[in-house]
C-alpha atoms as a PDB file:
ATOM      1  CA  MET A   1      -0.216  -0.178  -0.068  1.00  0.00           C
ATOM      2  CA  LYS A   2       1.459   3.239  -1.213  1.00  0.00           C
ATOM      3  CA  LEU A   3       0.506   6.174   0.949  1.00  0.00           C
ATOM      4  CA  ILE A   4       1.316   9.929   0.157  1.00  0.00           C
ATOM      5  CA  ARG A   5       1.350  12.543   2.846  1.00  0.00           C
ATOM      6  CA  ILE A   6      -0.777  15.113   1.318  1.00  0.00           C
ATOM      7  CA  THR A   7      -1.193  17.456   4.520  1.00  0.00           C
ATOM      8  CA  GLU A   8      -0.257  17.402   8.251  1.00  0.00           C
ATOM      9  CA  TYR A   9      -3.161  14.499   8.560  1.00  0.00           C
ATOM     10  CA  LEU A  10      -4.414  13.607   4.950  1.00  0.00           C
ATOM     11  CA  ASP A  11      -2.589  10.751   2.928  1.00  0.00           C
ATOM     12  CA  ILE A  12      -3.847   9.300  -0.414  1.00  0.00           C
ATOM     13  CA  GLU A  13      -3.622   5.599  -0.787  1.00  0.00           C
ATOM     14  CA  LEU A  14      -2.593   5.511  -4.446  1.00  0.00           C
ATOM     15  CA  GLU A  15      -3.307   1.997  -5.719  1.00  0.00           C
ATOM     16  CA  ARG A  16      -6.956   2.133  -4.161  1.00  0.00           C
ATOM     17  CA  GLU A  17      -7.370   6.171  -4.992  1.00  0.00           C
ATOM     18  CA  ARG A  18      -9.208   6.792  -1.413  1.00  0.00           C
ATOM     19  CA  TRP A  19      -7.983   9.261   1.138  1.00  0.00           C
ATOM     20  CA  ARG A  20      -6.545   8.573   4.404  1.00  0.00           C
ATOM     21  CA  CYS A  21      -5.889   9.750   7.814  1.00  0.00           C
ATOM     22  CA  ASN A  22      -2.774   9.720   8.800  1.00  0.00           C
ATOM     23  CA  ARG A  23      -2.553   9.630  12.454  1.00  0.00           C
ATOM     24  CA  CYS A  24      -5.314   6.507  12.740  1.00  0.00           C
ATOM     25  CA  GLY A  25      -5.959   5.242   8.861  1.00  0.00           C
ATOM     26  CA  ALA A  26      -9.669   6.704   8.451  1.00  0.00           C
ATOM     27  CA  ASP A  27     -11.333   6.387   5.336  1.00  0.00           C
ATOM     28  CA  PHE A  28     -11.834   9.745   4.085  1.00  0.00           C
ATOM     29  CA  GLY A  29     -13.523   8.409   0.448  1.00  0.00           C
ATOM     30  CA  PRO A  30     -12.415   8.422  -2.904  1.00  0.00           C
ATOM     31  CA  ALA A  31      -9.138  10.479  -3.455  1.00  0.00           C
ATOM     32  CA  ARG A  32     -11.267  12.317  -7.218  1.00  0.00           C
ATOM     33  CA  GLU A  33     -13.970  13.727  -4.423  1.00  0.00           C
ATOM     34  CA  PRO A  34     -13.544  16.039  -1.730  1.00  0.00           C
ATOM     35  CA  TRP A  35     -11.963  14.309   1.499  1.00  0.00           C
ATOM     36  CA  LYS A  36     -14.572  16.720   3.538  1.00  0.00           C
ATOM     37  CA  LYS A  37     -17.327  14.516   2.335  1.00  0.00           C
ATOM     38  CA  GLY A  38     -15.877  11.612   5.064  1.00  0.00           C
ATOM     39  CA  ALA A  39     -15.241  14.076   7.773  1.00  0.00           C
ATOM     40  CA  LEU A  40     -17.428  14.948  10.932  1.00  0.00           C
ATOM     41  CA  ILE A  41     -18.733  18.523  10.152  1.00  0.00           C
ATOM     42  CA  ARG A  42     -18.978  20.978  13.143  1.00  0.00           C
ATOM     43  CA  GLU A  43     -19.907  24.452  12.123  1.00  0.00           C
ATOM     44  CA  ARG A  44     -19.493  26.746  15.025  1.00  0.00           C
ATOM     45  CA  ASP A  45     -20.817  30.349  15.840  1.00  0.00           C
ATOM     46  CA  PRO A  46     -17.436  32.635  15.594  1.00  0.00           C
ATOM     47  CA  ARG A  47     -18.374  34.427  19.021  1.00  0.00           C
ATOM     48  CA  GLU A  48     -17.401  31.460  20.306  1.00  0.00           C
ATOM     49  CA  ILE A  49     -13.553  31.699  19.054  1.00  0.00           C
ATOM     50  CA  HIS A  50     -13.236  35.134  19.195  1.00  0.00           C
ATOM     51  CA  PHE A  51     -14.659  36.889  22.066  1.00  0.00           C
ATOM     52  CA  PRO A  52     -16.190  40.499  21.639  1.00  0.00           C
ATOM     53  CA  ILE A  53     -13.541  43.002  22.618  1.00  0.00           C
ATOM     54  CA  GLY A  54     -14.430  46.452  23.925  1.00  0.00           C
ATOM     55  CA  PRO A  55     -17.183  48.254  25.565  1.00  0.00           C
ATOM     56  CA  SER A  56     -19.142  48.666  21.398  1.00  0.00           C
ATOM     57  CA  LYS A  57     -21.293  45.914  20.106  1.00  0.00           C
ATOM     58  CA  GLU A  58     -21.076  46.913  16.729  1.00  0.00           C
ATOM     59  CA  PHE A  59     -17.337  47.551  16.552  1.00  0.00           C
ATOM     60  CA  ASN A  60     -15.705  44.576  19.120  1.00  0.00           C
ATOM     61  CA  PHE A  61     -13.059  42.702  16.731  1.00  0.00           C
ATOM     62  CA  SER A  62     -15.686  39.396  16.787  1.00  0.00           C
ATOM     63  CA  PHE A  63     -16.923  38.008  13.566  1.00  0.00           C
ATOM     64  CA  ASP A  64     -20.908  38.700  13.044  1.00  0.00           C
ATOM     65  CA  PRO A  65     -22.606  35.384  12.730  1.00  0.00           C
ATOM     66  CA  LYS A  66     -24.932  37.074  10.396  1.00  0.00           C
ATOM     67  CA  TRP A  67     -21.686  37.143   7.858  1.00  0.00           C
ATOM     68  CA  MET A  68     -19.408  34.756   8.682  1.00  0.00           C
ATOM     69  CA  ARG A  69     -19.083  31.116  10.072  1.00  0.00           C
ATOM     70  CA  ILE A  70     -16.880  28.750  10.920  1.00  0.00           C
ATOM     71  CA  VAL A  71     -16.999  25.349  10.041  1.00  0.00           C
ATOM     72  CA  GLU A  72     -14.514  22.674  11.376  1.00  0.00           C
ATOM     73  CA  PHE A  73     -13.610  19.340  10.042  1.00  0.00           C
ATOM     74  CA  TYR A  74     -12.380  16.046  12.062  1.00  0.00           C
ATOM     75  CA  CYS A  75     -11.310  12.327  11.644  1.00  0.00           C
ATOM     76  CA  PRO A  76     -14.576   9.975  12.384  1.00  0.00           C
ATOM     77  CA  LYS A  77     -12.699   7.598  13.698  1.00  0.00           C
ATOM     78  CA  CYS A  78      -9.624   9.486  15.891  1.00  0.00           C
ATOM     79  CA  ALA A  79     -11.521  12.975  16.285  1.00  0.00           C
ATOM     80  CA  VAL A  80      -8.089  14.630  15.008  1.00  0.00           C
ATOM     81  CA  MET A  81      -8.707  18.431  13.694  1.00  0.00           C
ATOM     82  CA  ILE A  82      -8.222  18.177  10.094  1.00  0.00           C
ATOM     83  CA  ASP A  83      -9.083  21.758   8.815  1.00  0.00           C
ATOM     84  CA  ASN A  84     -11.437  24.320   9.363  1.00  0.00           C
ATOM     85  CA  GLU A  85     -12.879  27.229   7.278  1.00  0.00           C
ATOM     86  CA  TYR A  86     -14.539  30.838   7.526  1.00  0.00           C
ATOM     87  CA  LEU A  87     -17.152  30.992   4.796  1.00  0.00           C
ATOM     88  CA  PRO A  88     -20.051  33.182   4.515  1.00  0.00           C
ATOM     89  CA  PRO A  89     -23.495  31.716   5.510  1.00  0.00           C
ATOM     90  CA  GLY A  90     -24.898  29.399   2.886  1.00  0.00           C
ATOM     91  CA  HIS A  91     -21.517  29.224   0.885  1.00  0.00           C
ATOM     92  CA  PRO A  92     -20.821  25.678   0.023  1.00  0.00           C
ATOM     93  CA  LEU A  93     -17.924  23.831   0.914  1.00  0.00           C
ATOM     94  CA  THR A  94     -14.609  24.266  -0.774  1.00  0.00           C
ATOM     95  CA  TRP A  95     -13.215  21.870  -2.534  1.00  0.00           C
ATOM     96  CA  ASP A  96      -9.814  23.096  -1.666  1.00  0.00           C
ATOM     97  CA  ILE A  97      -7.740  19.886  -2.365  1.00  0.00           C
ATOM     98  CA  GLN A  98      -7.746  18.473  -6.081  1.00  0.00           C
ATOM     99  CA  LEU A  99      -5.107  16.253  -7.186  1.00  0.00           C
ATOM    100  CA  ASP A 100      -4.134  14.768 -10.566  1.00  0.00           C
ATOM    101  CA  LEU A 101      -3.948  11.251  -9.699  1.00  0.00           C
ATOM    102  CA  ASP A 102      -3.038   9.517 -12.638  1.00  0.00           C
ATOM    103  CA  GLN A 103       0.138  12.022 -12.906  1.00  0.00           C
ATOM    104  CA  LEU A 104       0.719  10.514  -9.137  1.00  0.00           C
ATOM    105  CA  LYS A 105       0.882   7.178  -9.899  1.00  0.00           C
ATOM    106  CA  ALA A 106       2.994   7.813 -12.582  1.00  0.00           C
ATOM    107  CA  LYS A 107       5.803   9.698 -10.373  1.00  0.00           C
ATOM    108  CA  HIS A 108       5.270   6.962  -8.105  1.00  0.00           C
ATOM    109  CA  GLY A 109       5.149   3.976  -9.921  1.00  0.00           C
ATOM    110  CA  VAL A 110       1.969   2.736  -8.720  1.00  0.00           C
ATOM    111  CA  THR A 111      -0.518   0.875 -10.991  1.00  0.00           C
ATOM    112  CA  PRO A 112      -4.519   0.278  -9.877  1.00  0.00           C
ATOM    113  CA  VAL A 113      -5.887  -2.099  -7.831  1.00  0.00           C
ATOM    114  CA  ARG A 114      -8.237  -4.188 -10.251  1.00  0.00           C
ATOM    115  CA  LYS A 115     -11.741  -4.105  -9.211  1.00  0.00           C
ATOM    116  CA  ARG A 116     -13.382  -7.771  -9.060  1.00  0.00           C
ATOM    117  CA  ARG A 117     -15.822  -8.274 -11.517  1.00  0.00           C
ATOM    118  CA  GLU A 118     -18.918  -9.355 -10.383  1.00  0.00           C
ATOM    119  CA  SER A 119     -20.279 -12.713 -11.017  1.00  0.00           C
ATOM    120  CA  GLY A 120     -23.303 -13.664 -12.488  1.00  0.00           C
ATOM    121  CA  PRO A 121     -26.188 -13.422 -15.261  1.00  0.00           C
ATOM    122  CA  LYS A 122     -24.893 -10.856 -18.385  1.00  0.00           C
END
């Protein structure tokens, strides 16, 4: 099994084209799709993290939850926080890592694992 480190917490298993947690080996799904689909997702009120500073309710160095949300991504098996995003409400999650898997396989000399053919009537 050939694992390639992509980020601090994410690897790609090239033979099977799967995202993996490099702490516990949890599978996050197909590497041709966003790894975030396989993560635990928590949306946070920005005021929980950036506490208001100063006497003004309008200008206090905190984020207004009507304008911004914080989204955290965790490994579903070991619960390590992999990433977080600051997004406007309603904005879709970003697809921040898109790799040329065919080129990576060629670079590392990896051939894909063949899928078993299902037996049965044709």
